[in-house]
Each structure stands twice: as C-alpha cells, then as structure tokens.
Amino acid sequence: MESTSLDLPDSVQRVVACLQQAGHSGEVVMLAETGKTSAEAAAGLGCSVAEIAKSVVFRRLSDDAAVMVVASGANRVDEHKVAAQTGPLGKANAAFVREKTGYAIGGVCPVGHPTALIMLIDQDLFRYSRVWAAAGHPHAVFPLTPQQLQQMTGAPLADIAQQ
C-alpha cells in the first residue's frame, strides 16, 4: 500500500521531505505488518531478505560518534571489519540511536539525521537493482537503487559481512 498523504507519522513525513530534496520520488510504502527486522520487511514486500538495506548503528568508543552501517538484510555485520575502518566500536543502545539518528530502532532510516554520521554501505547491496530501506517508522520503507543510496549518503562501499 503506497502512501504519500499527510496521514503518515511525523518521522515518515520527515523522511519523505528529505528524499524529495535529494531528488527521490519520496515514495514510501506502509507495511501492514511491522518491518522491524529484515525478514519481516522482506515478507511484507515480497522481496528477498538480501534486498533490505538495514541500518545498524554502533558507538565509536574514542568519541561517542555514531557509526551507521547500511547492510544487506542477509548479512550479519562483522564489527571487526567495521572497526578496522572507523576505530574501536561499542554497542549503541536505543537512546543513543534515537539521539544520533533521529529515529527509533526498527525504523532507522539511512538519511535525514540531525547531525552527520560516520557511514559505510555494504558492497553486497550493489548486487541488486533495487533495495528497500526503513523510512523512519517500523512499518515504513522506501525503494531506491544502491547508487541512489550511495549518492544520498555519500558513504563509501565496504566489505562488512561476517563470513
């Protein structure tokens, strides 16, 4: 069910505005069931789990900076591979994630953050012509190409998958 009305939650409206500013259509799909996990989102969309661009947030230990990895839903993020590029990492709790990204866990969007984040994009997402990312709410997702994701975030591609 596609939705672009003002009936969308505030956080989703912020994402739509951010997407449109970046030249994206702003298309957001509201899932009937939650899309908090990659598997739930994929089931709701009828796509593979690998086509879900999940946002995983870590806390860099040296300065408390947020490090976001936008990963294929099929991949488990290898914290050591990420830390090799960003510095030592710690877990990010729900309050940290909301403060740094502006979104609650389960709906963390790869764009539209209150401040710049350190970001990496899973190179495996580039195997797909279209991926789906959270749009600021556990039921909201939006489609984009991996190239659009990289253009919107400015994040480098990285090998982040755990073997």
C-alpha atoms as a PDB file:
ATOM      1  CA  MET A   1       0.000   0.000   0.000  1.00  0.00           C
ATOM      2  CA  GLU A   2       1.711   3.170  -1.211  1.00  0.00           C
ATOM      3  CA  SER A   3       1.191   6.308   0.806  1.00  0.00           C
ATOM      4  CA  THR A   4       2.187   9.933   0.375  1.00  0.00           C
ATOM      5  CA  SER A   5      -0.523  11.646   2.408  1.00  0.00           C
ATOM      6  CA  LEU A   6      -0.176  13.780   5.477  1.00  0.00           C
ATOM      7  CA  ASP A   7      -1.642  10.831   7.402  1.00  0.00           C
ATOM      8  CA  LEU A   8       1.887   9.478   7.674  1.00  0.00           C
ATOM      9  CA  PRO A   9       3.648   9.612  11.054  1.00  0.00           C
ATOM     10  CA  ASP A  10       5.810  12.730  11.564  1.00  0.00           C
ATOM     11  CA  SER A  11       9.059  10.761  11.303  1.00  0.00           C
ATOM     12  CA  VAL A  12       7.972   9.327   7.938  1.00  0.00           C
ATOM     13  CA  GLN A  13       6.967  12.783   6.676  1.00  0.00           C
ATOM     14  CA  ARG A  14      10.495  13.976   7.562  1.00  0.00           C
ATOM     15  CA  VAL A  15      11.955  11.109   5.518  1.00  0.00           C
ATOM     16  CA  VAL A  16       9.684  11.878   2.535  1.00  0.00           C
ATOM     17  CA  ALA A  17      10.792  15.539   2.602  1.00  0.00           C
ATOM     18  CA  CYS A  18      14.461  14.520   2.839  1.00  0.00           C
ATOM     19  CA  LEU A  19      14.093  12.067  -0.051  1.00  0.00           C
ATOM     20  CA  GLN A  20      12.372  14.643  -2.233  1.00  0.00           C
ATOM     21  CA  GLN A  21      15.117  17.181  -1.501  1.00  0.00           C
ATOM     22  CA  ALA A  22      17.617  14.579  -2.713  1.00  0.00           C
ATOM     23  CA  GLY A  23      15.732  14.114  -5.985  1.00  0.00           C
ATOM     24  CA  HIS A  24      13.983  10.858  -4.999  1.00  0.00           C
ATOM     25  CA  SER A  25      10.260  10.444  -5.695  1.00  0.00           C
ATOM     26  CA  GLY A  26       9.553  10.264  -1.976  1.00  0.00           C
ATOM     27  CA  GLU A  27       7.591   7.053  -2.467  1.00  0.00           C
ATOM     28  CA  VAL A  28       7.042   5.352   0.883  1.00  0.00           C
ATOM     29  CA  VAL A  29       5.291   2.027   1.428  1.00  0.00           C
ATOM     30  CA  MET A  30       3.488   1.458   4.709  1.00  0.00           C
ATOM     31  CA  LEU A  31       3.612  -2.236   5.570  1.00  0.00           C
ATOM     32  CA  ALA A  32       0.522  -3.834   7.113  1.00  0.00           C
ATOM     33  CA  GLU A  33       2.759  -5.771   9.490  1.00  0.00           C
ATOM     34  CA  THR A  34       5.906  -4.448  11.144  1.00  0.00           C
ATOM     35  CA  GLY A  35       9.156  -4.308   9.237  1.00  0.00           C
ATOM     36  CA  LYS A  36      11.385  -4.079  12.321  1.00  0.00           C
ATOM     37  CA  THR A  37      13.502  -6.965  11.079  1.00  0.00           C
ATOM     38  CA  SER A  38      14.814  -7.581   7.585  1.00  0.00           C
ATOM     39  CA  ALA A  39      12.831 -10.810   7.384  1.00  0.00           C
ATOM     40  CA  GLU A  40       9.579  -9.065   8.354  1.00  0.00           C
ATOM     41  CA  ALA A  41      10.140  -6.267   5.845  1.00  0.00           C
ATOM     42  CA  ALA A  42      11.007  -8.724   3.067  1.00  0.00           C
ATOM     43  CA  ALA A  43       7.902 -10.801   3.791  1.00  0.00           C
ATOM     44  CA  GLY A  44       5.712  -7.697   3.670  1.00  0.00           C
ATOM     45  CA  LEU A  45       7.253  -6.552   0.382  1.00  0.00           C
ATOM     46  CA  GLY A  46       7.571  -9.930  -1.322  1.00  0.00           C
ATOM     47  CA  CYS A  47      11.304  -9.484  -1.923  1.00  0.00           C
ATOM     48  CA  SER A  48      14.380 -11.316  -0.689  1.00  0.00           C
ATOM     49  CA  VAL A  49      15.887 -10.515   2.709  1.00  0.00           C
ATOM     50  CA  ALA A  50      19.112  -9.552   0.904  1.00  0.00           C
ATOM     51  CA  GLU A  51      17.256  -6.661  -0.803  1.00  0.00           C
ATOM     52  CA  ILE A  52      16.536  -4.999   2.548  1.00  0.00           C
ATOM     53  CA  ALA A  53      19.029  -2.231   3.362  1.00  0.00           C
ATOM     54  CA  LYS A  54      19.130  -2.435   7.153  1.00  0.00           C
ATOM     55  CA  SER A  55      20.724   0.337   9.205  1.00  0.00           C
ATOM     56  CA  VAL A  56      22.941  -0.936  12.011  1.00  0.00           C
ATOM     57  CA  VAL A  57      24.289   1.671  14.432  1.00  0.00           C
ATOM     58  CA  PHE A  58      27.399   1.377  16.599  1.00  0.00           C
ATOM     59  CA  ARG A  59      29.033   3.801  19.049  1.00  0.00           C
ATOM     60  CA  ARG A  60      32.669   4.669  18.341  1.00  0.00           C
ATOM     61  CA  LEU A  61      34.485   4.343  21.659  1.00  0.00           C
ATOM     62  CA  SER A  62      37.020   7.141  21.134  1.00  0.00           C
ATOM     63  CA  ASP A  63      34.485   9.959  20.784  1.00  0.00           C
ATOM     64  CA  ASP A  64      30.929   8.547  21.105  1.00  0.00           C
ATOM     65  CA  ALA A  65      30.298   9.202  17.410  1.00  0.00           C
ATOM     66  CA  ALA A  66      27.549   7.209  15.734  1.00  0.00           C
ATOM     67  CA  VAL A  67      28.721   4.752  13.082  1.00  0.00           C
ATOM     68  CA  MET A  68      25.976   3.530  10.754  1.00  0.00           C
ATOM     69  CA  VAL A  69      26.413   0.529   8.501  1.00  0.00           C
ATOM     70  CA  VAL A  70      23.747   0.157   5.824  1.00  0.00           C
ATOM     71  CA  ALA A  71      23.900  -3.580   5.237  1.00  0.00           C
ATOM     72  CA  SER A  72      22.133  -6.188   3.174  1.00  0.00           C
ATOM     73  CA  GLY A  73      19.481  -7.821   5.314  1.00  0.00           C
ATOM     74  CA  ALA A  74      21.038 -11.195   4.541  1.00  0.00           C
ATOM     75  CA  ASN A  75      24.376 -10.197   6.057  1.00  0.00           C
ATOM     76  CA  ARG A  76      25.485 -10.179   9.634  1.00  0.00           C
ATOM     77  CA  VAL A  77      27.711  -7.116  10.178  1.00  0.00           C
ATOM     78  CA  ASP A  78      31.276  -8.009  11.156  1.00  0.00           C
ATOM     79  CA  GLU A  79      32.066  -5.476  13.872  1.00  0.00           C
ATOM     80  CA  HIS A  80      35.805  -6.108  13.481  1.00  0.00           C
ATOM     81  CA  LYS A  81      35.734  -5.252   9.759  1.00  0.00           C
ATOM     82  CA  VAL A  82      33.839  -2.038  10.531  1.00  0.00           C
ATOM     83  CA  ALA A  83      36.161  -1.131  13.420  1.00  0.00           C
ATOM     84  CA  ALA A  84      39.170  -1.571  11.130  1.00  0.00           C
ATOM     85  CA  GLN A  85      37.808   1.379   9.133  1.00  0.00           C
ATOM     86  CA  THR A  86      36.303   3.513  11.898  1.00  0.00           C
ATOM     87  CA  GLY A  87      38.143   2.727  15.129  1.00  0.00           C
ATOM     88  CA  PRO A  88      37.019   0.574  18.078  1.00  0.00           C
ATOM     89  CA  LEU A  89      33.260   0.210  18.461  1.00  0.00           C
ATOM     90  CA  GLY A  90      30.758  -0.410  21.208  1.00  0.00           C
ATOM     91  CA  LYS A  91      27.087  -1.252  21.234  1.00  0.00           C
ATOM     92  CA  ALA A  92      24.580   1.551  20.711  1.00  0.00           C
ATOM     93  CA  ASN A  93      21.543   1.481  22.991  1.00  0.00           C
ATOM     94  CA  ALA A  94      18.083   2.683  21.945  1.00  0.00           C
ATOM     95  CA  ALA A  95      18.532   6.166  23.454  1.00  0.00           C
ATOM     96  CA  PHE A  96      21.873   6.645  21.651  1.00  0.00           C
ATOM     97  CA  VAL A  97      20.380   5.503  18.329  1.00  0.00           C
ATOM     98  CA  ARG A  98      17.422   7.889  18.645  1.00  0.00           C
ATOM     99  CA  GLU A  99      19.629  10.809  19.709  1.00  0.00           C
ATOM    100  CA  LYS A 100      22.167  10.364  16.904  1.00  0.00           C
ATOM    101  CA  THR A 101      19.872   9.292  14.041  1.00  0.00           C
ATOM    102  CA  GLY A 102      16.557  10.923  14.963  1.00  0.00           C
ATOM    103  CA  TYR A 103      14.777   7.573  14.613  1.00  0.00           C
ATOM    104  CA  ALA A 104      13.729   4.722  16.894  1.00  0.00           C
ATOM    105  CA  ILE A 105      15.250   1.264  16.459  1.00  0.00           C
ATOM    106  CA  GLY A 106      13.184  -0.668  13.926  1.00  0.00           C
ATOM    107  CA  GLY A 107      12.685   2.360  11.697  1.00  0.00           C
ATOM    108  CA  VAL A 108      16.181   3.840  11.395  1.00  0.00           C
ATOM    109  CA  CYS A 109      16.500   5.493   8.002  1.00  0.00           C
ATOM    110  CA  PRO A 110      19.850   5.874   6.215  1.00  0.00           C
ATOM    111  CA  VAL A 111      19.115   9.569   5.510  1.00  0.00           C
ATOM    112  CA  GLY A 112      17.736  12.587   7.348  1.00  0.00           C
ATOM    113  CA  HIS A 113      19.824  12.537  10.514  1.00  0.00           C
ATOM    114  CA  PRO A 114      20.102  15.551  12.849  1.00  0.00           C
ATOM    115  CA  THR A 115      23.904  15.534  12.503  1.00  0.00           C
ATOM    116  CA  ALA A 116      26.383  13.836  10.191  1.00  0.00           C
ATOM    117  CA  LEU A 117      27.125  10.198  10.962  1.00  0.00           C
ATOM    118  CA  ILE A 118      30.093   8.044  10.036  1.00  0.00           C
ATOM    119  CA  MET A 119      28.604   5.705   7.447  1.00  0.00           C
ATOM    120  CA  LEU A 120      29.549   2.640   5.442  1.00  0.00           C
ATOM    121  CA  ILE A 121      27.481   0.842   2.800  1.00  0.00           C
ATOM    122  CA  ASP A 122      27.624  -2.916   2.406  1.00  0.00           C
ATOM    123  CA  GLN A 123      29.071  -3.619  -1.043  1.00  0.00           C
ATOM    124  CA  ASP A 124      26.717  -6.609  -1.340  1.00  0.00           C
ATOM    125  CA  LEU A 125      23.738  -4.249  -1.797  1.00  0.00           C
ATOM    126  CA  PHE A 126      25.133  -3.437  -5.242  1.00  0.00           C
ATOM    127  CA  ARG A 127      24.138  -6.932  -6.422  1.00  0.00           C
ATOM    128  CA  TYR A 128      20.538  -5.666  -6.661  1.00  0.00           C
ATOM    129  CA  SER A 129      18.867  -3.155  -8.950  1.00  0.00           C
ATOM    130  CA  ARG A 130      16.556  -2.033  -6.141  1.00  0.00           C
ATOM    131  CA  VAL A 131      16.748  -2.203  -2.367  1.00  0.00           C
ATOM    132  CA  TRP A 132      14.372  -1.189   0.410  1.00  0.00           C
ATOM    133  CA  ALA A 133      15.295   0.925   3.437  1.00  0.00           C
ATOM    134  CA  ALA A 134      13.422   1.921   6.588  1.00  0.00           C
ATOM    135  CA  ALA A 135      11.613   5.244   6.300  1.00  0.00           C
ATOM    136  CA  GLY A 136      11.615   6.428   9.908  1.00  0.00           C
ATOM    137  CA  HIS A 137       8.963   4.072  11.318  1.00  0.00           C
ATOM    138  CA  PRO A 138       8.746   0.276  11.896  1.00  0.00           C
ATOM    139  CA  HIS A 139       6.002  -0.010   9.242  1.00  0.00           C
ATOM    140  CA  ALA A 140       7.508   2.380   6.667  1.00  0.00           C
ATOM    141  CA  VAL A 141      10.007   1.551   3.904  1.00  0.00           C
ATOM    142  CA  PHE A 142      11.103   3.130   0.643  1.00  0.00           C
ATOM    143  CA  PRO A 143      12.672   1.764  -2.534  1.00  0.00           C
ATOM    144  CA  LEU A 144      15.873   3.081  -4.074  1.00  0.00           C
ATOM    145  CA  THR A 145      18.807   1.888  -6.095  1.00  0.00           C
ATOM    146  CA  PRO A 146      22.102   1.181  -4.342  1.00  0.00           C
ATOM    147  CA  GLN A 147      23.568   4.016  -6.414  1.00  0.00           C
ATOM    148  CA  GLN A 148      20.935   6.420  -5.047  1.00  0.00           C
ATOM    149  CA  LEU A 149      21.747   5.229  -1.531  1.00  0.00           C
ATOM    150  CA  GLN A 150      25.408   5.995  -2.037  1.00  0.00           C
ATOM    151  CA  GLN A 151      24.660   9.349  -3.653  1.00  0.00           C
ATOM    152  CA  MET A 152      22.278  10.412  -0.852  1.00  0.00           C
ATOM    153  CA  THR A 153      24.568   9.348   1.986  1.00  0.00           C
ATOM    154  CA  GLY A 154      27.997   9.993   0.499  1.00  0.00           C
ATOM    155  CA  ALA A 155      29.087   6.818   2.270  1.00  0.00           C
ATOM    156  CA  PRO A 156      31.839   4.583   0.907  1.00  0.00           C
ATOM    157  CA  LEU A 157      31.274   0.954  -0.032  1.00  0.00           C
ATOM    158  CA  ALA A 158      32.815  -1.576   2.301  1.00  0.00           C
ATOM    159  CA  ASP A 159      33.167  -5.304   2.877  1.00  0.00           C
ATOM    160  CA  ILE A 160      31.312  -5.554   6.187  1.00  0.00           C
ATOM    161  CA  ALA A 161      29.777  -9.029   6.031  1.00  0.00           C
ATOM    162  CA  GLN A 162      30.691 -11.632   8.600  1.00  0.00           C
ATOM    163  CA  GLN A 163      31.936 -14.802   6.912  1.00  0.00           C
END
